[in-house]
Amino acid sequence: MRQVLIHAVQSLTGVKTVAWYLHTVIPEESLLPDSWIPDEDRHPKRRQLVFTLARVMMSWGIALIEYIPLTLANRTAVTHDFSLAKLRGAIEAMDLAWLIAFMLMVKRETLRWQHLVGLAVAGVGVAIANIDVDVD
């Protein structure tokens, strides 16, 4: 049961990464139909607000795909005596992997040593959270 839960949660974290970062690579004009976009000369602030709201709604719409099953997985984990720290650790570990993949494949960013060190430190935190220690 635990392995199934962990794999389900891990696959969902890729959806979260897409929800958080996909809007950063989509040009503004592709977010909405032309008829919904206010004129830049007459309404520059309104235009910016419309694009901001479109990005937020797009992200939330994608994230909803992840939130529903993840909420159920969290509930299942708690009712089956699965540690929330371990569950969160599994999620964070996969978030790091998905983030690196998104950075390299979608954003085409260069992975620098500072990024690797920072991600490694976060990975150590995940590993520590997943250590089985019974303290009485």
C-alpha atoms as a PDB file:
ATOM      1  CA  MET A   1       0.000   0.000   0.000  1.00  0.00           C
ATOM      2  CA  ARG A   2       2.741   2.459   0.944  1.00  0.00           C
ATOM      3  CA  GLN A   3       4.656   1.959  -2.298  1.00  0.00           C
ATOM      4  CA  VAL A   4       1.510   2.510  -4.380  1.00  0.00           C
ATOM      5  CA  LEU A   5       0.767   5.688  -2.439  1.00  0.00           C
ATOM      6  CA  ILE A   6       4.307   6.987  -2.828  1.00  0.00           C
ATOM      7  CA  HIS A   7       4.328   6.328  -6.588  1.00  0.00           C
ATOM      8  CA  ALA A   8       0.942   7.986  -7.022  1.00  0.00           C
ATOM      9  CA  VAL A   9       2.112  11.084  -5.179  1.00  0.00           C
ATOM     10  CA  GLN A  10       5.407  11.190  -7.045  1.00  0.00           C
ATOM     11  CA  SER A  11       3.775  11.120 -10.455  1.00  0.00           C
ATOM     12  CA  LEU A  12       1.446  13.966  -9.478  1.00  0.00           C
ATOM     13  CA  THR A  13       4.270  16.321  -8.534  1.00  0.00           C
ATOM     14  CA  GLY A  14       5.143  16.701 -12.212  1.00  0.00           C
ATOM     15  CA  VAL A  15       1.698  18.185 -12.774  1.00  0.00           C
ATOM     16  CA  LYS A  16       2.381  20.686  -9.981  1.00  0.00           C
ATOM     17  CA  THR A  17       5.668  21.710 -11.595  1.00  0.00           C
ATOM     18  CA  VAL A  18       3.894  22.319 -14.893  1.00  0.00           C
ATOM     19  CA  ALA A  19       1.162  24.299 -13.109  1.00  0.00           C
ATOM     20  CA  TRP A  20       3.657  26.528 -11.349  1.00  0.00           C
ATOM     21  CA  TYR A  21       6.029  27.208 -14.222  1.00  0.00           C
ATOM     22  CA  LEU A  22       4.400  26.570 -17.627  1.00  0.00           C
ATOM     23  CA  HIS A  23       2.947  30.087 -17.811  1.00  0.00           C
ATOM     24  CA  THR A  24       6.503  31.477 -17.748  1.00  0.00           C
ATOM     25  CA  VAL A  25       7.187  30.113 -21.232  1.00  0.00           C
ATOM     26  CA  ILE A  26       3.859  30.967 -22.880  1.00  0.00           C
ATOM     27  CA  PRO A  27       3.710  34.341 -24.653  1.00  0.00           C
ATOM     28  CA  GLU A  28       0.984  36.664 -23.362  1.00  0.00           C
ATOM     29  CA  GLU A  29      -0.836  36.756 -26.694  1.00  0.00           C
ATOM     30  CA  SER A  30      -1.233  32.958 -26.583  1.00  0.00           C
ATOM     31  CA  LEU A  31      -3.000  33.005 -23.217  1.00  0.00           C
ATOM     32  CA  LEU A  32      -6.280  34.499 -24.420  1.00  0.00           C
ATOM     33  CA  PRO A  33      -8.299  35.034 -27.589  1.00  0.00           C
ATOM     34  CA  ASP A  34      -7.631  38.418 -29.210  1.00  0.00           C
ATOM     35  CA  SER A  35     -11.153  39.633 -28.483  1.00  0.00           C
ATOM     36  CA  TRP A  36     -10.495  39.312 -24.713  1.00  0.00           C
ATOM     37  CA  ILE A  37      -7.267  41.335 -24.730  1.00  0.00           C
ATOM     38  CA  PRO A  38      -7.698  45.057 -23.929  1.00  0.00           C
ATOM     39  CA  ASP A  39      -6.012  47.583 -26.192  1.00  0.00           C
ATOM     40  CA  GLU A  40      -2.468  48.278 -24.971  1.00  0.00           C
ATOM     41  CA  ASP A  41      -2.573  51.998 -25.818  1.00  0.00           C
ATOM     42  CA  ARG A  42      -5.931  52.740 -24.205  1.00  0.00           C
ATOM     43  CA  HIS A  43      -5.858  50.331 -21.238  1.00  0.00           C
ATOM     44  CA  PRO A  44      -2.282  49.247 -20.366  1.00  0.00           C
ATOM     45  CA  LYS A  45      -3.062  48.518 -16.690  1.00  0.00           C
ATOM     46  CA  ARG A  46      -6.209  46.589 -17.534  1.00  0.00           C
ATOM     47  CA  ARG A  47      -4.288  44.635 -20.166  1.00  0.00           C
ATOM     48  CA  GLN A  48      -1.628  43.663 -17.619  1.00  0.00           C
ATOM     49  CA  LEU A  49      -4.307  42.651 -15.092  1.00  0.00           C
ATOM     50  CA  VAL A  50      -6.058  40.487 -17.690  1.00  0.00           C
ATOM     51  CA  PHE A  51      -2.816  38.668 -18.516  1.00  0.00           C
ATOM     52  CA  THR A  52      -1.978  38.222 -14.828  1.00  0.00           C
ATOM     53  CA  LEU A  53      -5.398  36.744 -14.115  1.00  0.00           C
ATOM     54  CA  ALA A  54      -5.100  34.493 -17.171  1.00  0.00           C
ATOM     55  CA  ARG A  55      -1.760  33.155 -15.895  1.00  0.00           C
ATOM     56  CA  VAL A  56      -3.187  32.554 -12.416  1.00  0.00           C
ATOM     57  CA  MET A  57      -6.304  30.823 -13.738  1.00  0.00           C
ATOM     58  CA  MET A  58      -4.227  28.669 -16.082  1.00  0.00           C
ATOM     59  CA  SER A  59      -1.957  27.621 -13.216  1.00  0.00           C
ATOM     60  CA  TRP A  60      -4.861  26.902 -10.882  1.00  0.00           C
ATOM     61  CA  GLY A  61      -6.653  24.937 -13.580  1.00  0.00           C
ATOM     62  CA  ILE A  62      -3.628  22.703 -14.118  1.00  0.00           C
ATOM     63  CA  ALA A  63      -2.982  22.419 -10.374  1.00  0.00           C
ATOM     64  CA  LEU A  64      -6.542  21.245  -9.775  1.00  0.00           C
ATOM     65  CA  ILE A  65      -5.625  18.086 -11.696  1.00  0.00           C
ATOM     66  CA  GLU A  66      -3.010  17.432  -9.004  1.00  0.00           C
ATOM     67  CA  TYR A  67      -4.807  18.727  -5.908  1.00  0.00           C
ATOM     68  CA  ILE A  68      -7.818  16.441  -6.030  1.00  0.00           C
ATOM     69  CA  PRO A  69      -5.971  13.085  -6.067  1.00  0.00           C
ATOM     70  CA  LEU A  70      -3.205  14.417  -3.820  1.00  0.00           C
ATOM     71  CA  THR A  71      -5.757  15.409  -1.196  1.00  0.00           C
ATOM     72  CA  LEU A  72      -7.179  11.895  -1.324  1.00  0.00           C
ATOM     73  CA  ALA A  73      -3.667  10.412  -1.141  1.00  0.00           C
ATOM     74  CA  ASN A  74      -2.871  12.531   1.913  1.00  0.00           C
ATOM     75  CA  ARG A  75      -6.050  11.325   3.608  1.00  0.00           C
ATOM     76  CA  THR A  76      -5.260   7.714   2.742  1.00  0.00           C
ATOM     77  CA  ALA A  77      -1.723   8.115   4.090  1.00  0.00           C
ATOM     78  CA  VAL A  78      -2.939   9.491   7.405  1.00  0.00           C
ATOM     79  CA  THR A  79      -5.563   6.767   7.845  1.00  0.00           C
ATOM     80  CA  HIS A  80      -2.944   4.059   7.125  1.00  0.00           C
ATOM     81  CA  ASP A  81      -0.484   5.390   9.705  1.00  0.00           C
ATOM     82  CA  PHE A  82       1.902   6.816   7.089  1.00  0.00           C
ATOM     83  CA  SER A  83       3.999   9.656   8.452  1.00  0.00           C
ATOM     84  CA  LEU A  84       3.161  13.069   7.007  1.00  0.00           C
ATOM     85  CA  ALA A  85       6.863  13.919   7.148  1.00  0.00           C
ATOM     86  CA  LYS A  86       7.678  10.906   4.975  1.00  0.00           C
ATOM     87  CA  LEU A  87       4.858  11.708   2.586  1.00  0.00           C
ATOM     88  CA  ARG A  88       6.018  15.322   2.324  1.00  0.00           C
ATOM     89  CA  GLY A  89       9.592  14.110   1.906  1.00  0.00           C
ATOM     90  CA  ALA A  90       8.587  11.920  -1.033  1.00  0.00           C
ATOM     91  CA  ILE A  91       6.734  14.834  -2.598  1.00  0.00           C
ATOM     92  CA  GLU A  92       9.693  17.198  -2.141  1.00  0.00           C
ATOM     93  CA  ALA A  93      12.149  14.692  -3.594  1.00  0.00           C
ATOM     94  CA  MET A  94      10.057  14.325  -6.726  1.00  0.00           C
ATOM     95  CA  ASP A  95       9.454  18.084  -6.895  1.00  0.00           C
ATOM     96  CA  LEU A  96      13.223  18.560  -7.076  1.00  0.00           C
ATOM     97  CA  ALA A  97      13.562  16.008  -9.861  1.00  0.00           C
ATOM     98  CA  TRP A  98      10.672  17.516 -11.848  1.00  0.00           C
ATOM     99  CA  LEU A  99      12.020  21.036 -11.331  1.00  0.00           C
ATOM    100  CA  ILE A 100      15.408  20.078 -12.746  1.00  0.00           C
ATOM    101  CA  ALA A 101      13.739  18.374 -15.719  1.00  0.00           C
ATOM    102  CA  PHE A 102      11.556  21.439 -16.363  1.00  0.00           C
ATOM    103  CA  MET A 103      14.526  23.801 -16.048  1.00  0.00           C
ATOM    104  CA  LEU A 104      16.562  21.818 -18.566  1.00  0.00           C
ATOM    105  CA  MET A 105      13.946  20.661 -21.066  1.00  0.00           C
ATOM    106  CA  VAL A 106      11.304  23.405 -21.125  1.00  0.00           C
ATOM    107  CA  LYS A 107      13.048  26.573 -19.965  1.00  0.00           C
ATOM    108  CA  ARG A 108      16.380  25.488 -21.510  1.00  0.00           C
ATOM    109  CA  GLU A 109      18.192  26.956 -18.508  1.00  0.00           C
ATOM    110  CA  THR A 110      21.736  26.052 -17.630  1.00  0.00           C
ATOM    111  CA  LEU A 111      22.068  24.067 -14.444  1.00  0.00           C
ATOM    112  CA  ARG A 112      24.899  25.701 -12.477  1.00  0.00           C
ATOM    113  CA  TRP A 113      26.841  24.344  -9.551  1.00  0.00           C
ATOM    114  CA  GLN A 114      24.978  26.676  -7.163  1.00  0.00           C
ATOM    115  CA  HIS A 115      21.691  25.134  -8.266  1.00  0.00           C
ATOM    116  CA  LEU A 116      23.026  21.629  -7.762  1.00  0.00           C
ATOM    117  CA  VAL A 117      24.353  22.448  -4.290  1.00  0.00           C
ATOM    118  CA  GLY A 118      21.075  24.079  -3.277  1.00  0.00           C
ATOM    119  CA  LEU A 119      19.045  21.158  -4.591  1.00  0.00           C
ATOM    120  CA  ALA A 120      21.424  18.699  -2.903  1.00  0.00           C
ATOM    121  CA  VAL A 121      20.946  20.467   0.444  1.00  0.00           C
ATOM    122  CA  ALA A 122      17.184  20.210  -0.015  1.00  0.00           C
ATOM    123  CA  GLY A 123      17.652  16.546  -0.933  1.00  0.00           C
ATOM    124  CA  VAL A 124      19.565  15.951   2.288  1.00  0.00           C
ATOM    125  CA  GLY A 125      16.635  17.443   4.182  1.00  0.00           C
ATOM    126  CA  VAL A 126      14.289  15.036   2.417  1.00  0.00           C
ATOM    127  CA  ALA A 127      16.574  12.105   3.270  1.00  0.00           C
ATOM    128  CA  ILE A 128      16.733  13.127   6.931  1.00  0.00           C
ATOM    129  CA  ALA A 129      12.934  13.392   7.105  1.00  0.00           C
ATOM    130  CA  ASN A 130      12.671   9.827   5.801  1.00  0.00           C
ATOM    131  CA  ILE A 131      15.027   8.184   8.298  1.00  0.00           C
ATOM    132  CA  ASP A 132      13.240   5.574  10.402  1.00  0.00           C
ATOM    133  CA  VAL A 133      14.118   6.229  14.021  1.00  0.00           C
ATOM    134  CA  ASP A 134      11.952   5.024  16.872  1.00  0.00           C
ATOM    135  CA  VAL A 135      12.441   7.260  19.868  1.00  0.00           C
ATOM    136  CA  ASP A 136      10.648   6.226  23.029  1.00  0.00           C
END
